[in-house]
Amino acid sequence: MPIFSPLPENAAPGDHARRRGTLCLLSALVATPLTAWIFLNLQPFWLGVTSLDGAAFALVATLFGAILVVSPVISVAGWLLTLWYGVESVFMPRERRTPTADIVITGIGLVAWFLPTLGFLAAAVLTHKDPQGDHIVYWQGIGYKLIAAAVLAWLAWRYWRSKLHRKPDV
């Protein structure tokens, strides 16, 4: 089924979620290289903007700033929504089975949900320098990282617990 053709009205919820995820993936695949290109070429763009005067400068500088703000947001939101809708589609009823894609989507989803936990654990473990000042503040910082890791792990576990204890609906 072509990606841009409308789904039938009686399509399964998982098919709708998978279609949304695919469209978000397409937007992320377009926005990410475009964003990287813009940020890699900031100086030439800005030199072009600074050569303008008055109202033209104000308008073009405002638009340039808006592009710098919006393009990374679209890129990141596209990737996050791709992942969200992809994971949701795996555990909803669908018309067609895609076991390999489901395994890949679930694996990437698990990694993405638990990655912040691993980041805080790594930060706590890699804080191995001797404290220069107050030892209490040093250990409070490590304790904060461990508490943040535990909270983030708990939130990820709460999300995945109900999904992994049941079979995907097909």
Protein backbone atom coordinates (compact mmCIF):
# COMPACT_ATOMS: atom_id res chain seq x y z
CA MET A 1 0.00 0.00 0.00
CA PRO A 2 1.53 3.36 -0.99
CA ILE A 3 2.52 5.55 1.92
CA PHE A 4 0.56 8.62 0.88
CA SER A 5 -2.67 6.86 -0.07
CA PRO A 6 -5.39 7.14 2.58
CA LEU A 7 -6.04 4.16 4.79
CA PRO A 8 -9.50 2.61 4.60
CA GLU A 9 -11.94 3.77 7.27
CA ASN A 10 -12.05 0.31 8.81
CA ALA A 11 -8.24 0.00 9.06
CA ALA A 12 -6.89 -1.40 12.30
CA PRO A 13 -5.53 1.02 14.95
CA GLY A 14 -2.05 -0.45 14.57
CA ASP A 15 -2.11 0.35 10.86
CA HIS A 16 -2.96 3.97 11.64
CA ALA A 17 -0.15 4.18 14.20
CA ARG A 18 2.33 2.58 11.80
CA ARG A 19 1.32 5.05 9.07
CA ARG A 20 1.78 8.00 11.45
CA GLY A 21 5.17 6.63 12.45
CA THR A 22 6.21 6.29 8.83
CA LEU A 23 5.15 9.85 8.03
CA CYS A 24 7.06 11.12 11.09
CA LEU A 25 10.09 9.13 9.93
CA LEU A 26 9.90 10.79 6.52
CA SER A 27 9.74 14.24 8.13
CA ALA A 28 12.72 13.39 10.35
CA LEU A 29 14.70 12.07 7.38
CA VAL A 30 14.11 15.35 5.56
CA ALA A 31 14.54 17.68 8.54
CA THR A 32 17.70 16.14 10.02
CA PRO A 33 20.06 16.61 7.04
CA LEU A 34 18.51 20.00 6.32
CA THR A 35 19.10 21.08 9.92
CA ALA A 36 22.68 19.79 9.84
CA TRP A 37 23.32 21.64 6.57
CA ILE A 38 21.94 24.89 7.97
CA PHE A 39 24.04 24.68 11.14
CA LEU A 40 27.17 23.69 9.23
CA ASN A 41 26.78 26.76 7.01
CA LEU A 42 25.83 29.36 9.63
CA GLN A 43 28.60 31.81 8.81
CA PRO A 44 27.85 32.21 5.09
CA PHE A 45 24.14 32.54 5.82
CA TRP A 46 24.72 35.09 8.56
CA LEU A 47 27.11 37.10 6.38
CA GLY A 48 24.34 37.30 3.78
CA VAL A 49 21.89 38.51 6.43
CA THR A 50 24.25 41.13 7.85
CA SER A 51 24.72 42.69 4.42
CA LEU A 52 21.08 43.82 4.54
CA ASP A 53 19.83 47.07 6.10
CA GLY A 54 16.74 48.28 7.92
CA ALA A 55 13.46 46.40 7.64
CA ALA A 56 14.92 43.82 5.26
CA PHE A 57 17.57 42.95 7.85
CA ALA A 58 14.97 42.72 10.62
CA LEU A 59 12.70 40.46 8.56
CA VAL A 60 15.44 38.14 7.23
CA ALA A 61 17.21 37.93 10.63
CA THR A 62 13.91 37.04 12.29
CA LEU A 63 13.17 34.35 9.70
CA PHE A 64 16.72 33.02 9.97
CA GLY A 65 16.40 32.84 13.76
CA ALA A 66 13.04 31.09 13.45
CA ILE A 67 14.57 28.50 11.11
CA LEU A 68 17.41 27.95 13.57
CA VAL A 69 14.90 27.35 16.35
CA VAL A 70 12.28 25.32 14.50
CA SER A 71 14.39 22.99 12.34
CA PRO A 72 16.02 21.06 15.23
CA VAL A 73 12.67 20.81 17.00
CA ILE A 74 11.06 19.31 13.89
CA SER A 75 13.96 16.91 13.50
CA VAL A 76 13.94 15.69 17.11
CA ALA A 77 10.14 15.56 17.28
CA GLY A 78 10.08 13.55 14.05
CA TRP A 79 12.46 10.94 15.46
CA LEU A 80 10.67 10.74 18.82
CA LEU A 81 7.21 10.47 17.25
CA THR A 82 8.50 7.85 14.81
CA LEU A 83 9.65 5.78 17.73
CA TRP A 84 6.47 6.39 19.75
CA TYR A 85 4.05 5.49 16.96
CA GLY A 86 6.22 2.56 15.90
CA VAL A 87 6.22 1.04 19.38
CA GLU A 88 2.50 1.66 19.80
CA SER A 89 1.79 0.02 16.43
CA VAL A 90 3.60 -3.16 17.47
CA PHE A 91 1.20 -3.69 20.37
CA MET A 92 -2.04 -2.80 18.54
CA PRO A 93 -4.13 -4.91 16.19
CA ARG A 94 -2.95 -4.69 12.57
CA GLU A 95 -3.99 -6.18 9.25
CA ARG A 96 -0.51 -7.41 8.26
CA ARG A 97 2.18 -9.08 10.36
CA THR A 98 5.72 -7.67 10.24
CA PRO A 99 7.68 -9.71 12.80
CA THR A 100 11.15 -8.50 11.81
CA ALA A 101 10.14 -4.83 11.84
CA ASP A 102 8.33 -5.37 15.15
CA ILE A 103 11.46 -6.83 16.76
CA VAL A 104 13.62 -3.98 15.46
CA ILE A 105 11.11 -1.32 16.57
CA THR A 106 10.74 -2.90 20.03
CA GLY A 107 14.51 -3.19 20.47
CA ILE A 108 15.14 0.42 19.46
CA GLY A 109 12.28 1.50 21.71
CA LEU A 110 13.69 -0.35 24.72
CA VAL A 111 17.12 1.17 24.17
CA ALA A 112 15.67 4.66 23.73
CA TRP A 113 13.48 4.43 26.84
CA PHE A 114 16.29 3.16 29.05
CA LEU A 115 19.10 5.26 27.55
CA PRO A 116 18.60 8.21 29.95
CA THR A 117 18.94 5.77 32.86
CA LEU A 118 22.17 4.41 31.43
CA GLY A 119 23.43 7.96 30.92
CA PHE A 120 22.89 8.89 34.57
CA LEU A 121 24.44 5.62 35.74
CA ALA A 122 27.46 6.22 33.52
CA ALA A 123 27.78 9.77 34.86
CA ALA A 124 27.67 8.48 38.45
CA VAL A 125 30.22 5.74 37.77
CA LEU A 126 32.56 7.96 35.76
CA THR A 127 32.65 10.62 38.47
CA HIS A 128 35.84 9.13 39.83
CA LYS A 129 37.87 12.29 40.38
CA ASP A 130 38.84 13.07 43.91
CA PRO A 131 36.62 15.82 45.28
CA GLN A 132 38.43 19.16 45.29
CA GLY A 133 36.19 20.78 47.85
CA ASP A 134 33.41 19.59 50.09
CA HIS A 135 33.08 15.79 50.22
CA ILE A 136 29.41 16.03 51.13
CA VAL A 137 28.59 17.97 47.97
CA TYR A 138 30.59 15.46 45.93
CA TRP A 139 28.64 12.49 47.28
CA GLN A 140 25.35 14.37 47.01
CA GLY A 141 26.06 14.85 43.30
CA ILE A 142 26.65 11.14 42.84
CA GLY A 143 23.54 10.38 44.90
CA TYR A 144 21.48 12.73 42.73
CA LYS A 145 22.64 10.94 39.58
CA LEU A 146 21.75 7.56 41.08
CA ILE A 147 18.32 8.81 42.19
CA ALA A 148 17.67 10.29 38.73
CA ALA A 149 18.72 7.00 37.13
CA ALA A 150 16.36 5.07 39.43
CA VAL A 151 13.41 7.39 38.67
CA LEU A 152 14.01 7.24 34.93
CA ALA A 153 14.37 3.44 35.05
CA TRP A 154 11.12 3.18 37.01
CA LEU A 155 9.26 5.35 34.48
CA ALA A 156 10.60 3.31 31.55
CA TRP A 157 9.77 0.07 33.34
CA ARG A 158 6.20 1.29 34.01
CA TYR A 159 5.73 2.00 30.30
CA TRP A 160 7.22 -1.26 29.06
CA ARG A 161 5.89 -3.58 31.77
CA SER A 162 2.35 -3.71 30.40
CA LYS A 163 3.56 -4.01 26.81
CA LEU A 164 6.05 -6.83 27.32
CA HIS A 165 3.75 -8.95 29.49
CA ARG A 166 1.26 -9.42 26.66
CA LYS A 167 1.61 -10.63 23.13
CA PRO A 168 1.36 -8.11 20.29
CA ASP A 169 -2.12 -7.92 18.79
CA VAL A 170 -2.19 -8.92 15.16
